[in-house]
Amino acid sequence: MLGSAADALTLFFQAVTAGMLLTSSRGHLMHDVGSKVMYAAAMLYVLAAVLAWRPGGGSPRPILYATGFLGLASVQVVLGIAHMPSLHVPVGVLMFGLSLLTLGQMLSAHPQVPSSARS
């Protein structure tokens, strides 16, 4: 769940810094730094998914999500370097939407502790 939350947060930051590109001279630097953090978060998400699955005996499904996200992040890097905003922006929006969807699914699948059990 932490990997999915980190992905959603880094993608939101990227959306903010993309807007800053239009209005600030620092926008480019912030977006560049954010892209590196987002890519690192995507790689860590894959690692965390594998570690949760293999030794912990969890479901391999998060590995598919994490790998797909890393693939989309790789496409984003290529599109950004190629200065292709007509494709870069929609893929970014898709990634943010998918990260929120995945996070929502993980939160709804997480067992809830009854309020009577909390002290």
Protein backbone atom coordinates (compact mmCIF):
# COMPACT_ATOMS: atom_id res chain seq x y z
CA MET A 1 0.00 0.00 0.00
CA LEU A 2 2.88 2.33 0.78
CA GLY A 3 4.25 1.99 -2.76
CA SER A 4 0.91 2.90 -4.29
CA ALA A 5 0.53 5.90 -1.99
CA ALA A 6 4.05 7.08 -2.84
CA ASP A 7 3.27 6.75 -6.55
CA ALA A 8 0.09 8.79 -6.20
CA LEU A 9 1.86 11.51 -4.21
CA THR A 10 4.80 11.77 -6.59
CA LEU A 11 2.45 11.93 -9.56
CA PHE A 12 0.43 14.67 -7.92
CA PHE A 13 3.67 16.59 -7.33
CA GLN A 14 4.52 16.10 -11.00
CA ALA A 15 1.16 17.54 -12.02
CA VAL A 16 1.79 20.59 -9.83
CA THR A 17 5.28 21.12 -11.22
CA ALA A 18 4.00 20.67 -14.77
CA GLY A 19 1.72 23.63 -14.12
CA MET A 20 4.69 25.51 -12.68
CA LEU A 21 6.48 25.01 -16.00
CA LEU A 22 3.99 27.44 -17.48
CA THR A 23 4.40 30.15 -14.87
CA SER A 24 7.78 29.88 -13.17
CA SER A 25 11.41 29.71 -14.13
CA ARG A 26 11.91 27.07 -11.41
CA GLY A 27 9.18 24.84 -12.81
CA HIS A 28 11.55 22.96 -15.12
CA LEU A 29 13.99 22.12 -12.32
CA MET A 30 11.20 21.04 -9.95
CA HIS A 31 9.59 18.85 -12.64
CA ASP A 32 12.95 17.31 -13.50
CA VAL A 33 13.75 16.49 -9.86
CA GLY A 34 10.20 15.20 -9.34
CA SER A 35 10.53 12.90 -12.34
CA LYS A 36 13.59 11.28 -10.81
CA VAL A 37 11.81 10.83 -7.48
CA MET A 38 8.75 9.40 -9.24
CA TYR A 39 10.88 6.93 -11.20
CA ALA A 40 12.73 5.86 -8.05
CA ALA A 41 9.38 5.41 -6.26
CA ALA A 42 8.18 3.22 -9.15
CA MET A 43 11.30 1.03 -8.87
CA LEU A 44 10.90 0.78 -5.10
CA TYR A 45 7.24 -0.17 -5.60
CA VAL A 46 8.34 -3.14 -7.77
CA LEU A 47 10.91 -4.17 -5.17
CA ALA A 48 8.40 -3.89 -2.32
CA ALA A 49 5.81 -5.89 -4.27
CA VAL A 50 8.32 -8.68 -4.92
CA LEU A 51 9.46 -8.71 -1.31
CA ALA A 52 5.88 -8.84 -0.04
CA TRP A 53 5.07 -11.70 -2.40
CA ARG A 54 8.08 -13.99 -2.27
CA PRO A 55 9.07 -14.31 1.39
CA GLY A 56 5.75 -13.11 2.78
CA GLY A 57 3.59 -15.41 0.68
CA GLY A 58 1.33 -12.57 -0.48
CA SER A 59 -0.47 -12.24 -3.79
CA PRO A 60 1.65 -11.70 -6.93
CA ARG A 61 -0.95 -9.25 -8.30
CA PRO A 62 0.77 -6.12 -6.86
CA ILE A 63 3.88 -7.11 -8.83
CA LEU A 64 1.87 -6.77 -12.04
CA TYR A 65 0.57 -3.36 -10.98
CA ALA A 66 4.04 -2.19 -9.97
CA THR A 67 5.67 -3.47 -13.15
CA GLY A 68 3.00 -1.85 -15.30
CA PHE A 69 3.47 1.41 -13.43
CA LEU A 70 7.24 1.23 -13.96
CA GLY A 71 6.63 0.61 -17.66
CA LEU A 72 4.40 3.68 -17.90
CA ALA A 73 6.98 5.69 -15.96
CA SER A 74 9.60 4.64 -18.50
CA VAL A 75 7.34 5.78 -21.33
CA GLN A 76 6.87 9.10 -19.50
CA VAL A 77 10.63 9.61 -19.24
CA VAL A 78 11.08 8.98 -22.96
CA LEU A 79 8.19 11.28 -23.89
CA GLY A 80 9.45 14.00 -21.57
CA ILE A 81 12.98 13.88 -22.93
CA ALA A 82 11.59 13.91 -26.48
CA HIS A 83 9.50 17.03 -25.60
CA MET A 84 6.24 15.42 -26.69
CA PRO A 85 3.68 17.06 -24.36
CA SER A 86 0.76 15.93 -26.52
CA LEU A 87 1.50 12.37 -25.36
CA HIS A 88 3.40 13.06 -22.12
CA VAL A 89 0.49 14.85 -20.44
CA PRO A 90 -2.22 12.27 -21.20
CA VAL A 91 0.03 9.40 -20.07
CA GLY A 92 0.71 11.34 -16.86
CA VAL A 93 -3.01 11.79 -16.27
CA LEU A 94 -3.54 8.07 -16.94
CA MET A 95 -0.81 7.17 -14.46
CA PHE A 96 -2.27 9.42 -11.78
CA GLY A 97 -5.74 7.97 -12.29
CA LEU A 98 -4.43 4.41 -12.18
CA SER A 99 -2.40 5.13 -9.04
CA LEU A 100 -5.50 6.48 -7.29
CA LEU A 101 -7.55 3.50 -8.46
CA THR A 102 -4.92 1.06 -7.18
CA LEU A 103 -4.59 2.91 -3.89
CA GLY A 104 -8.37 2.91 -3.45
CA GLN A 105 -8.55 -0.83 -4.13
CA MET A 106 -5.80 -1.51 -1.62
CA LEU A 107 -7.45 0.65 1.04
CA SER A 108 -10.83 -1.00 0.54
CA ALA A 109 -9.27 -4.49 0.70
CA HIS A 110 -7.37 -3.66 3.90
CA PRO A 111 -9.13 -5.22 6.89
CA GLN A 112 -10.74 -2.64 9.13
CA VAL A 113 -10.38 -2.84 12.89
CA PRO A 114 -13.81 -2.56 14.56
CA SER A 115 -14.16 0.55 16.69
CA SER A 116 -15.03 -1.61 19.71
CA ALA A 117 -11.62 -3.34 19.45
CA ARG A 118 -9.73 -0.04 19.66
CA SER A 119 -8.81 1.17 23.10
